[in-house]
PDB file of all heavy atoms in Angstrom:
ATOM      1  N   GLU A   1       0.852  -1.215   0.005  1.00  0.00           N
ATOM      2  CA  GLU A   1       0.005  -0.012  -0.006  1.00  0.00           C
ATOM      3  C   GLU A   1       0.867   1.257   0.011  1.00  0.00           C
ATOM      4  O   GLU A   1       0.533   2.245  -0.668  1.00  0.00           O
ATOM      5  CB  GLU A   1      -0.933  -0.022   1.207  1.00  0.00           C
ATOM      6  CG  GLU A   1      -2.045  -1.024   1.106  1.00  0.00           C
ATOM      7  CD  GLU A   1      -2.940  -1.087   2.318  1.00  0.00           C
ATOM      8  OE1 GLU A   1      -2.711  -0.246   3.263  1.00  0.00           O
ATOM      9  OE2 GLU A   1      -3.849  -1.894   2.368  1.00  0.00           O
ATOM     10  N   LEU A   2       1.974   1.197   0.759  1.00  0.00           N
ATOM     11  CA  LEU A   2       2.868   2.352   0.775  1.00  0.00           C
ATOM     12  C   LEU A   2       3.474   2.565  -0.652  1.00  0.00           C
ATOM     13  O   LEU A   2       3.570   3.719  -1.079  1.00  0.00           O
ATOM     14  CB  LEU A   2       3.981   2.119   1.797  1.00  0.00           C
ATOM     15  CG  LEU A   2       5.040   3.217   1.877  1.00  0.00           C
ATOM     16  CD1 LEU A   2       4.471   4.520   2.343  1.00  0.00           C
ATOM     17  CD2 LEU A   2       6.158   2.787   2.850  1.00  0.00           C
ATOM     18  N   THR A   3       3.857   1.500  -1.271  1.00  0.00           N
ATOM     19  CA  THR A   3       4.417   1.613  -2.612  1.00  0.00           C
ATOM     20  C   THR A   3       3.380   2.186  -3.582  1.00  0.00           C
ATOM     21  O   THR A   3       3.702   3.101  -4.398  1.00  0.00           O
ATOM     22  CB  THR A   3       4.855   0.215  -3.128  1.00  0.00           C
ATOM     23  OG1 THR A   3       5.793  -0.325  -2.210  1.00  0.00           O
ATOM     24  CG2 THR A   3       5.504   0.319  -4.523  1.00  0.00           C
ATOM     25  N   GLN A   4       2.138   1.742  -3.493  1.00  0.00           N
ATOM     26  CA  GLN A   4       1.085   2.289  -4.326  1.00  0.00           C
ATOM     27  C   GLN A   4       0.829   3.764  -4.033  1.00  0.00           C
ATOM     28  O   GLN A   4       0.674   4.581  -4.936  1.00  0.00           O
ATOM     29  CB  GLN A   4      -0.204   1.500  -4.165  1.00  0.00           C
ATOM     30  CG  GLN A   4      -0.139   0.084  -4.750  1.00  0.00           C
ATOM     31  CD  GLN A   4      -1.383  -0.736  -4.408  1.00  0.00           C
ATOM     32  OE1 GLN A   4      -2.212  -0.306  -3.568  1.00  0.00           O
ATOM     33  NE2 GLN A   4      -1.516  -1.887  -5.009  1.00  0.00           N
ATOM     34  N   ALA A   5       0.837   4.092  -2.736  1.00  0.00           N
ATOM     35  CA  ALA A   5       0.611   5.483  -2.350  1.00  0.00           C
ATOM     36  C   ALA A   5       1.731   6.343  -2.845  1.00  0.00           C
ATOM     37  O   ALA A   5       1.502   7.505  -3.321  1.00  0.00           O
ATOM     38  CB  ALA A   5       0.483   5.589  -0.840  1.00  0.00           C
ATOM     39  N   GLN A   6       2.955   5.856  -2.790  1.00  0.00           N
ATOM     40  CA  GLN A   6       4.111   6.637  -3.332  1.00  0.00           C
ATOM     41  C   GLN A   6       3.998   6.845  -4.799  1.00  0.00           C
ATOM     42  O   GLN A   6       4.296   7.919  -5.314  1.00  0.00           O
ATOM     43  CB  GLN A   6       5.413   5.944  -2.968  1.00  0.00           C
ATOM     44  CG  GLN A   6       5.794   6.042  -1.512  1.00  0.00           C
ATOM     45  CD  GLN A   6       7.019   5.206  -1.127  1.00  0.00           C
ATOM     46  OE1 GLN A   6       7.369   4.284  -1.871  1.00  0.00           O
ATOM     47  NE2 GLN A   6       7.605   5.497   0.008  1.00  0.00           N
ATOM     48  N   GLU A   7       3.518   5.799  -5.540  1.00  0.00           N
ATOM     49  CA  GLU A   7       3.329   5.963  -6.986  1.00  0.00           C
ATOM     50  C   GLU A   7       2.241   6.986  -7.289  1.00  0.00           C
ATOM     51  O   GLU A   7       2.431   7.821  -8.173  1.00  0.00           O
ATOM     52  CB  GLU A   7       2.994   4.628  -7.614  1.00  0.00           C
ATOM     53  CG  GLU A   7       4.136   3.631  -7.644  1.00  0.00           C
ATOM     54  CD  GLU A   7       3.741   2.247  -8.139  1.00  0.00           C
ATOM     55  OE1 GLU A   7       2.560   2.059  -8.518  1.00  0.00           O
ATOM     56  OE2 GLU A   7       4.567   1.333  -8.107  1.00  0.00           O
ATOM     57  N   VAL A   8       1.145   6.916  -6.549  1.00  0.00           N
ATOM     58  CA  VAL A   8       0.110   7.900  -6.737  1.00  0.00           C
ATOM     59  C   VAL A   8       0.614   9.311  -6.386  1.00  0.00           C
ATOM     60  O   VAL A   8       0.290  10.274  -7.110  1.00  0.00           O
ATOM     61  CB  VAL A   8      -1.116   7.536  -5.847  1.00  0.00           C
ATOM     62  CG1 VAL A   8      -2.159   8.651  -5.807  1.00  0.00           C
ATOM     63  CG2 VAL A   8      -1.782   6.262  -6.327  1.00  0.00           C
ATOM     64  N   LEU A   9       1.419   9.400  -5.340  1.00  0.00           N
ATOM     65  CA  LEU A   9       1.985  10.711  -4.959  1.00  0.00           C
ATOM     66  C   LEU A   9       2.887  11.224  -6.078  1.00  0.00           C
ATOM     67  O   LEU A   9       2.783  12.409  -6.421  1.00  0.00           O
ATOM     68  CB  LEU A   9       2.730  10.548  -3.661  1.00  0.00           C
ATOM     69  CG  LEU A   9       3.427  11.832  -3.172  1.00  0.00           C
ATOM     70  CD1 LEU A   9       2.383  12.896  -2.829  1.00  0.00           C
ATOM     71  CD2 LEU A   9       4.309  11.534  -1.976  1.00  0.00           C
ATOM     72  N   ARG A  10       3.707  10.361  -6.661  1.00  0.00           N
ATOM     73  CA  ARG A  10       4.587  10.810  -7.759  1.00  0.00           C
ATOM     74  C   ARG A  10       3.722  11.316  -8.916  1.00  0.00           C
ATOM     75  O   ARG A  10       4.021  12.333  -9.544  1.00  0.00           O
ATOM     76  CB  ARG A  10       5.497   9.666  -8.163  1.00  0.00           C
ATOM     77  CG  ARG A  10       6.657   9.485  -7.267  1.00  0.00           C
ATOM     78  CD  ARG A  10       7.657   8.460  -7.851  1.00  0.00           C
ATOM     79  NE  ARG A  10       8.241   7.724  -6.723  1.00  0.00           N
ATOM     80  CZ  ARG A  10       8.012   6.428  -6.436  1.00  0.00           C
ATOM     81  NH1 ARG A  10       7.224   5.748  -7.200  1.00  0.00           N
ATOM     82  NH2 ARG A  10       8.590   5.870  -5.419  1.00  0.00           N
ATOM     83  N   GLY A  11       2.658  10.546  -9.247  1.00  0.00           N
ATOM     84  CA  GLY A  11       1.793  10.967 -10.357  1.00  0.00           C
ATOM     85  C   GLY A  11       1.124  12.284 -10.043  1.00  0.00           C
ATOM     86  O   GLY A  11       0.994  13.176 -10.933  1.00  0.00           O
ATOM     87  N   THR A  12       0.646  12.430  -8.819  1.00  0.00           N
ATOM     88  CA  THR A  12      -0.006  13.690  -8.411  1.00  0.00           C
ATOM     89  C   THR A  12       0.985  14.884  -8.445  1.00  0.00           C
ATOM     90  O   THR A  12       0.636  15.953  -8.901  1.00  0.00           O
ATOM     91  CB  THR A  12      -0.583  13.572  -6.963  1.00  0.00           C
ATOM     92  OG1 THR A  12      -1.459  12.412  -6.974  1.00  0.00           O
ATOM     93  CG2 THR A  12      -1.348  14.784  -6.572  1.00  0.00           C
ATOM     94  N   GLU A  13       2.214  14.599  -8.004  1.00  0.00           N
ATOM     95  CA  GLU A  13       3.226  15.660  -8.076  1.00  0.00           C
ATOM     96  C   GLU A  13       3.517  16.056  -9.495  1.00  0.00           C
ATOM     97  O   GLU A  13       3.695  17.274  -9.807  1.00  0.00           O
ATOM     98  CB  GLU A  13       4.512  15.207  -7.401  1.00  0.00           C
ATOM     99  CG  GLU A  13       4.433  15.130  -5.860  1.00  0.00           C
ATOM    100  CD  GLU A  13       5.662  14.552  -5.204  1.00  0.00           C
ATOM    101  OE1 GLU A  13       6.469  13.943  -5.942  1.00  0.00           O
ATOM    102  OE2 GLU A  13       5.815  14.741  -4.012  1.00  0.00           O
ATOM    103  N   ALA A  14       3.545  15.047 -10.401  1.00  0.00           N
ATOM    104  CA  ALA A  14       3.785  15.375 -11.824  1.00  0.00           C
ATOM    105  C   ALA A  14       2.635  16.193 -12.360  1.00  0.00           C
ATOM    106  O   ALA A  14       2.822  17.191 -13.137  1.00  0.00           O
ATOM    107  CB  ALA A  14       3.954  14.083 -12.614  1.00  0.00           C
ATOM    108  N   GLN A  15       1.372  15.838 -12.001  1.00  0.00           N
ATOM    109  CA  GLN A  15       0.225  16.595 -12.455  1.00  0.00           C
ATOM    110  C   GLN A  15       0.253  18.016 -11.898  1.00  0.00           C
ATOM    111  O   GLN A  15      -0.068  18.994 -12.575  1.00  0.00           O
ATOM    112  CB  GLN A  15      -1.081  15.915 -12.014  1.00  0.00           C
ATOM    113  CG  GLN A  15      -1.397  14.656 -12.810  1.00  0.00           C
ATOM    114  CD  GLN A  15      -2.640  13.962 -12.296  1.00  0.00           C
ATOM    115  OE1 GLN A  15      -3.163  14.288 -11.256  1.00  0.00           O
ATOM    116  NE2 GLN A  15      -3.111  13.041 -13.077  1.00  0.00           N
ATOM    117  N   ALA A  16       0.633  18.134 -10.633  1.00  0.00           N
ATOM    118  CA  ALA A  16       0.758  19.440 -10.006  1.00  0.00           C
ATOM    119  C   ALA A  16       1.776  20.287 -10.700  1.00  0.00           C
ATOM    120  O   ALA A  16       1.542  21.519 -10.969  1.00  0.00           O
ATOM    121  CB  ALA A  16       1.078  19.365  -8.510  1.00  0.00           C
ATOM    122  N   ALA A  17       2.906  19.705 -11.060  1.00  0.00           N
ATOM    123  CA  ALA A  17       3.927  20.464 -11.762  1.00  0.00           C
ATOM    124  C   ALA A  17       3.420  20.906 -13.136  1.00  0.00           C
ATOM    125  O   ALA A  17       3.632  22.054 -13.570  1.00  0.00           O
ATOM    126  CB  ALA A  17       5.205  19.549 -11.947  1.00  0.00           C
ATOM    127  N   THR A  18       2.721  19.993 -13.842  1.00  0.00           N
ATOM    128  CA  THR A  18       2.081  20.380 -15.091  1.00  0.00           C
ATOM    129  C   THR A  18       1.104  21.518 -14.954  1.00  0.00           C
ATOM    130  O   THR A  18       1.069  22.468 -15.723  1.00  0.00           O
ATOM    131  CB  THR A  18       1.445  19.128 -15.748  1.00  0.00           C
ATOM    132  OG1 THR A  18       2.397  18.100 -15.858  1.00  0.00           O
ATOM    133  CG2 THR A  18       0.863  19.469 -17.118  1.00  0.00           C
ATOM    134  N   CYS A  19       0.267  21.389 -13.938  1.00  0.00           N
ATOM    135  CA  CYS A  19      -0.729  22.467 -13.664  1.00  0.00           C
ATOM    136  C   CYS A  19      -0.055  23.752 -13.336  1.00  0.00           C
ATOM    137  O   CYS A  19      -0.504  24.853 -13.831  1.00  0.00           O
ATOM    138  CB  CYS A  19      -1.645  22.047 -12.515  1.00  0.00           C
ATOM    139  SG  CYS A  19      -2.814  20.744 -12.953  1.00  0.00           S
ATOM    140  N   ASN A  20       1.022  23.734 -12.518  1.00  0.00           N
ATOM    141  CA  ASN A  20       1.755  24.979 -12.219  1.00  0.00           C
ATOM    142  C   ASN A  20       2.344  25.606 -13.461  1.00  0.00           C
ATOM    143  O   ASN A  20       2.279  26.819 -13.657  1.00  0.00           O
ATOM    144  CB  ASN A  20       2.811  24.680 -11.171  1.00  0.00           C
ATOM    145  CG  ASN A  20       2.242  24.424  -9.794  1.00  0.00           C
ATOM    146  OD1 ASN A  20       1.144  24.798  -9.501  1.00  0.00           O
ATOM    147  ND2 ASN A  20       3.010  23.736  -8.970  1.00  0.00           N
ATOM    148  N   GLN A  21       2.882  24.756 -14.316  1.00  0.00           N
ATOM    149  CA  GLN A  21       3.449  25.285 -15.560  1.00  0.00           C
ATOM    150  C   GLN A  21       2.348  25.876 -16.435  1.00  0.00           C
ATOM    151  O   GLN A  21       2.515  26.919 -17.071  1.00  0.00           O
ATOM    152  CB  GLN A  21       4.174  24.143 -16.312  1.00  0.00           C
ATOM    153  CG  GLN A  21       4.909  24.594 -17.533  1.00  0.00           C
ATOM    154  CD  GLN A  21       5.652  23.459 -18.174  1.00  0.00           C
ATOM    155  OE1 GLN A  21       5.520  22.316 -17.815  1.00  0.00           O
ATOM    156  NE2 GLN A  21       6.475  23.810 -19.178  1.00  0.00           N
ATOM    157  N   THR A  22       1.187  25.198 -16.491  1.00  0.00           N
ATOM    158  CA  THR A  22       0.056  25.698 -17.282  1.00  0.00           C
ATOM    159  C   THR A  22      -0.407  27.046 -16.718  1.00  0.00           C
ATOM    160  O   THR A  22      -0.689  27.958 -17.468  1.00  0.00           O
ATOM    161  CB  THR A  22      -1.078  24.700 -17.310  1.00  0.00           C
ATOM    162  OG1 THR A  22      -0.600  23.451 -17.779  1.00  0.00           O
ATOM    163  CG2 THR A  22      -2.215  25.186 -18.151  1.00  0.00           C
ATOM    164  N   VAL A  23      -0.476  27.113 -15.376  1.00  0.00           N
ATOM    165  CA  VAL A  23      -0.907  28.396 -14.773  1.00  0.00           C
ATOM    166  C   VAL A  23       0.084  29.537 -15.135  1.00  0.00           C
ATOM    167  O   VAL A  23      -0.332  30.656 -15.456  1.00  0.00           O
ATOM    168  CB  VAL A  23      -1.016  28.231 -13.219  1.00  0.00           C
ATOM    169  CG1 VAL A  23      -1.065  29.572 -12.526  1.00  0.00           C
ATOM    170  CG2 VAL A  23      -2.190  27.358 -12.885  1.00  0.00           C
ATOM    171  N   GLU A  24       1.352  29.236 -15.038  1.00  0.00           N
ATOM    172  CA  GLU A  24       2.358  30.266 -15.395  1.00  0.00           C
ATOM    173  C   GLU A  24       2.195  30.662 -16.870  1.00  0.00           C
ATOM    174  O   GLU A  24       2.248  31.887 -17.193  1.00  0.00           O
ATOM    175  CB  GLU A  24       3.738  29.748 -15.149  1.00  0.00           C
ATOM    176  CG  GLU A  24       4.097  29.573 -13.680  1.00  0.00           C
ATOM    177  CD  GLU A  24       3.947  30.876 -12.895  1.00  0.00           C
ATOM    178  OE1 GLU A  24       4.345  31.955 -13.378  1.00  0.00           O
ATOM    179  OE2 GLU A  24       3.404  30.804 -11.782  1.00  0.00           O
ATOM    180  N   THR A  25       2.015  29.692 -17.738  1.00  0.00           N
ATOM    181  CA  THR A  25       1.801  30.010 -19.130  1.00  0.00           C
ATOM    182  C   THR A  25       0.528  30.846 -19.348  1.00  0.00           C
ATOM    183  O   THR A  25       0.541  31.804 -20.122  1.00  0.00           O
ATOM    184  CB  THR A  25       1.684  28.687 -19.956  1.00  0.00           C
ATOM    185  OG1 THR A  25       2.854  27.890 -19.743  1.00  0.00           O
ATOM    186  CG2 THR A  25       1.541  28.965 -21.464  1.00  0.00           C
ATOM    187  N   LEU A  26      -0.512  30.519 -18.659  1.00  0.00           N
ATOM    188  CA  LEU A  26      -1.773  31.292 -18.766  1.00  0.00           C
ATOM    189  C   LEU A  26      -1.624  32.682 -18.214  1.00  0.00           C
ATOM    190  O   LEU A  26      -2.169  33.642 -18.763  1.00  0.00           O
ATOM    191  CB  LEU A  26      -2.888  30.544 -18.044  1.00  0.00           C
ATOM    192  CG  LEU A  26      -3.401  29.248 -18.735  1.00  0.00           C
ATOM    193  CD1 LEU A  26      -4.461  28.563 -17.859  1.00  0.00           C
ATOM    194  CD2 LEU A  26      -3.971  29.576 -20.094  1.00  0.00           C
ATOM    195  N   LYS A  27      -0.840  32.834 -17.133  1.00  0.00           N
ATOM    196  CA  LYS A  27      -0.587  34.167 -16.586  1.00  0.00           C
ATOM    197  C   LYS A  27       0.140  35.023 -17.621  1.00  0.00           C
ATOM    198  O   LYS A  27      -0.236  36.181 -17.835  1.00  0.00           O
ATOM    199  CB  LYS A  27       0.264  34.095 -15.320  1.00  0.00           C
ATOM    200  CG  LYS A  27      -0.512  33.671 -14.079  1.00  0.00           C
ATOM    201  CD  LYS A  27       0.374  33.664 -12.862  1.00  0.00           C
ATOM    202  CE  LYS A  27      -0.329  33.230 -11.629  1.00  0.00           C
ATOM    203  NZ  LYS A  27       0.591  33.157 -10.468  1.00  0.00           N
ATOM    204  N   ILE A  28       1.148  34.420 -18.233  1.00  0.00           N
ATOM    205  CA  ILE A  28       1.894  35.183 -19.262  1.00  0.00           C
ATOM    206  C   ILE A  28       0.965  35.563 -20.402  1.00  0.00           C
ATOM    207  O   ILE A  28       0.982  36.710 -20.898  1.00  0.00           O
ATOM    208  CB  ILE A  28       3.117  34.356 -19.705  1.00  0.00           C
ATOM    209  CG1 ILE A  28       4.130  34.284 -18.583  1.00  0.00           C
ATOM    210  CG2 ILE A  28       3.745  34.985 -20.978  1.00  0.00           C
ATOM    211  CD1 ILE A  28       5.240  33.268 -18.906  1.00  0.00           C
ATOM    212  N   SER A  29       0.155  34.562 -20.815  1.00  0.00           N
ATOM    213  CA  SER A  29      -0.765  34.803 -21.938  1.00  0.00           C
ATOM    214  C   SER A  29      -1.786  35.858 -21.592  1.00  0.00           C
ATOM    215  O   SER A  29      -2.119  36.745 -22.393  1.00  0.00           O
ATOM    216  CB  SER A  29      -1.456  33.484 -22.301  1.00  0.00           C
ATOM    217  OG  SER A  29      -2.436  33.686 -23.289  1.00  0.00           O
ATOM    218  N   LEU A  30      -2.264  35.840 -20.311  1.00  0.00           N
ATOM    219  CA  LEU A  30      -3.246  36.823 -19.886  1.00  0.00           C
ATOM    220  C   LEU A  30      -2.631  38.215 -19.892  1.00  0.00           C
ATOM    221  O   LEU A  30      -3.293  39.199 -20.309  1.00  0.00           O
ATOM    222  CB  LEU A  30      -3.764  36.444 -18.495  1.00  0.00           C
ATOM    223  CG  LEU A  30      -4.813  37.362 -17.867  1.00  0.00           C
ATOM    224  CD1 LEU A  30      -6.074  37.342 -18.764  1.00  0.00           C
ATOM    225  CD2 LEU A  30      -5.157  36.909 -16.487  1.00  0.00           C
ATOM    226  N   LYS A  31      -1.393  38.338 -19.401  1.00  0.00           N
ATOM    227  CA  LYS A  31      -0.723  39.621 -19.436  1.00  0.00           C
ATOM    228  C   LYS A  31      -0.624  40.143 -20.873  1.00  0.00           C
ATOM    229  O   LYS A  31      -0.860  41.330 -21.143  1.00  0.00           O
ATOM    230  CB  LYS A  31       0.681  39.535 -18.807  1.00  0.00           C
ATOM    231  CG  LYS A  31       0.634  39.400 -17.296  1.00  0.00           C
ATOM    232  CD  LYS A  31       2.070  39.305 -16.742  1.00  0.00           C
ATOM    233  CE  LYS A  31       1.993  39.105 -15.225  1.00  0.00           C
ATOM    234  NZ  LYS A  31       3.363  38.980 -14.665  1.00  0.00           N
ATOM    235  N   GLU A  32      -0.226  39.215 -21.788  1.00  0.00           N
ATOM    236  CA  GLU A  32      -0.102  39.632 -23.195  1.00  0.00           C
ATOM    237  C   GLU A  32      -1.460  40.036 -23.740  1.00  0.00           C
ATOM    238  O   GLU A  32      -1.565  41.002 -24.488  1.00  0.00           O
ATOM    239  CB  GLU A  32       0.496  38.484 -24.022  1.00  0.00           C
ATOM    240  CG  GLU A  32       1.955  38.219 -23.683  1.00  0.00           C
ATOM    241  CD  GLU A  32       2.483  36.958 -24.381  1.00  0.00           C
ATOM    242  OE1 GLU A  32       1.684  36.233 -25.034  1.00  0.00           O
ATOM    243  OE2 GLU A  32       3.689  36.694 -24.265  1.00  0.00           O
ATOM    244  N   GLU A  33      -2.484  39.296 -23.401  1.00  0.00           N
ATOM    245  CA  GLU A  33      -3.835  39.607 -23.917  1.00  0.00           C
ATOM    246  C   GLU A  33      -4.317  40.926 -23.306  1.00  0.00           C
ATOM    247  O   GLU A  33      -4.998  41.696 -23.986  1.00  0.00           O
ATOM    248  CB  GLU A  33      -4.815  38.486 -23.564  1.00  0.00           C
ATOM    249  CG  GLU A  33      -4.603  37.254 -24.456  1.00  0.00           C
ATOM    250  CD  GLU A  33      -5.611  36.146 -24.160  1.00  0.00           C
ATOM    251  OE1 GLU A  33      -6.599  36.391 -23.473  1.00  0.00           O
ATOM    252  OE2 GLU A  33      -5.401  35.042 -24.637  1.00  0.00           O
ATOM    253  N   LYS A  34      -3.998  41.167 -22.012  1.00  0.00           N
ATOM    254  CA  LYS A  34      -4.351  42.441 -21.404  1.00  0.00           C
ATOM    255  C   LYS A  34      -3.709  43.613 -22.136  1.00  0.00           C
ATOM    256  O   LYS A  34      -4.361  44.628 -22.410  1.00  0.00           O
ATOM    257  CB  LYS A  34      -4.002  42.470 -19.904  1.00  0.00           C
ATOM    258  CG  LYS A  34      -4.949  41.791 -19.019  1.00  0.00           C
ATOM    259  CD  LYS A  34      -4.539  41.976 -17.543  1.00  0.00           C
ATOM    260  CE  LYS A  34      -5.521  41.332 -16.618  1.00  0.00           C
ATOM    261  NZ  LYS A  34      -5.076  41.523 -15.216  1.00  0.00           N
ATOM    262  N   ALA A  35      -2.412  43.453 -22.397  1.00  0.00           N
ATOM    263  CA  ALA A  35      -1.731  44.457 -23.136  1.00  0.00           C
ATOM    264  C   ALA A  35      -2.323  44.646 -24.527  1.00  0.00           C
ATOM    265  O   ALA A  35      -2.551  45.799 -24.979  1.00  0.00           O
ATOM    266  CB  ALA A  35      -0.224  44.120 -23.256  1.00  0.00           C
ATOM    267  N   ALA A  36      -2.603  43.509 -25.184  1.00  0.00           N
ATOM    268  CA  ALA A  36      -3.211  43.614 -26.528  1.00  0.00           C
ATOM    269  C   ALA A  36      -4.604  44.175 -26.395  1.00  0.00           C
ATOM    270  O   ALA A  36      -4.997  44.988 -27.265  1.00  0.00           O
ATOM    271  CB  ALA A  36      -3.250  42.219 -27.182  1.00  0.00           C
ATOM    272  N   GLY A  37      -5.336  43.800 -25.385  1.00  0.00           N
ATOM    273  CA  GLY A  37      -6.705  44.297 -25.159  1.00  0.00           C
ATOM    274  C   GLY A  37      -6.658  45.816 -24.900  1.00  0.00           C
ATOM    275  O   GLY A  37      -7.530  46.578 -25.394  1.00  0.00           O
ATOM    276  N   HIS A  38      -5.655  46.251 -24.145  1.00  0.00           N
ATOM    277  CA  HIS A  38      -5.516  47.686 -23.862  1.00  0.00           C
ATOM    278  C   HIS A  38      -5.237  48.429 -25.142  1.00  0.00           C
ATOM    279  O   HIS A  38      -5.823  49.499 -25.423  1.00  0.00           O
ATOM    280  CB  HIS A  38      -4.396  47.921 -22.855  1.00  0.00           C
ATOM    281  CG  HIS A  38      -4.236  49.325 -22.385  1.00  0.00           C
ATOM    282  ND1 HIS A  38      -5.225  49.935 -21.662  1.00  0.00           N
ATOM    283  CD2 HIS A  38      -3.252  50.235 -22.615  1.00  0.00           C
ATOM    284  CE1 HIS A  38      -4.818  51.233 -21.437  1.00  0.00           C
ATOM    285  NE2 HIS A  38      -3.654  51.400 -21.978  1.00  0.00           N
TER     286      HIS A  38
END
């Protein structure tokens, strides 16, 4: 069970890293769109 939990944790950490990267990309895109919108 510990091994499975660690695998799930690794997968969740990978998803969190992907989400964080997506958030950063969206923030940059939003800033660019705000500038373009302005």
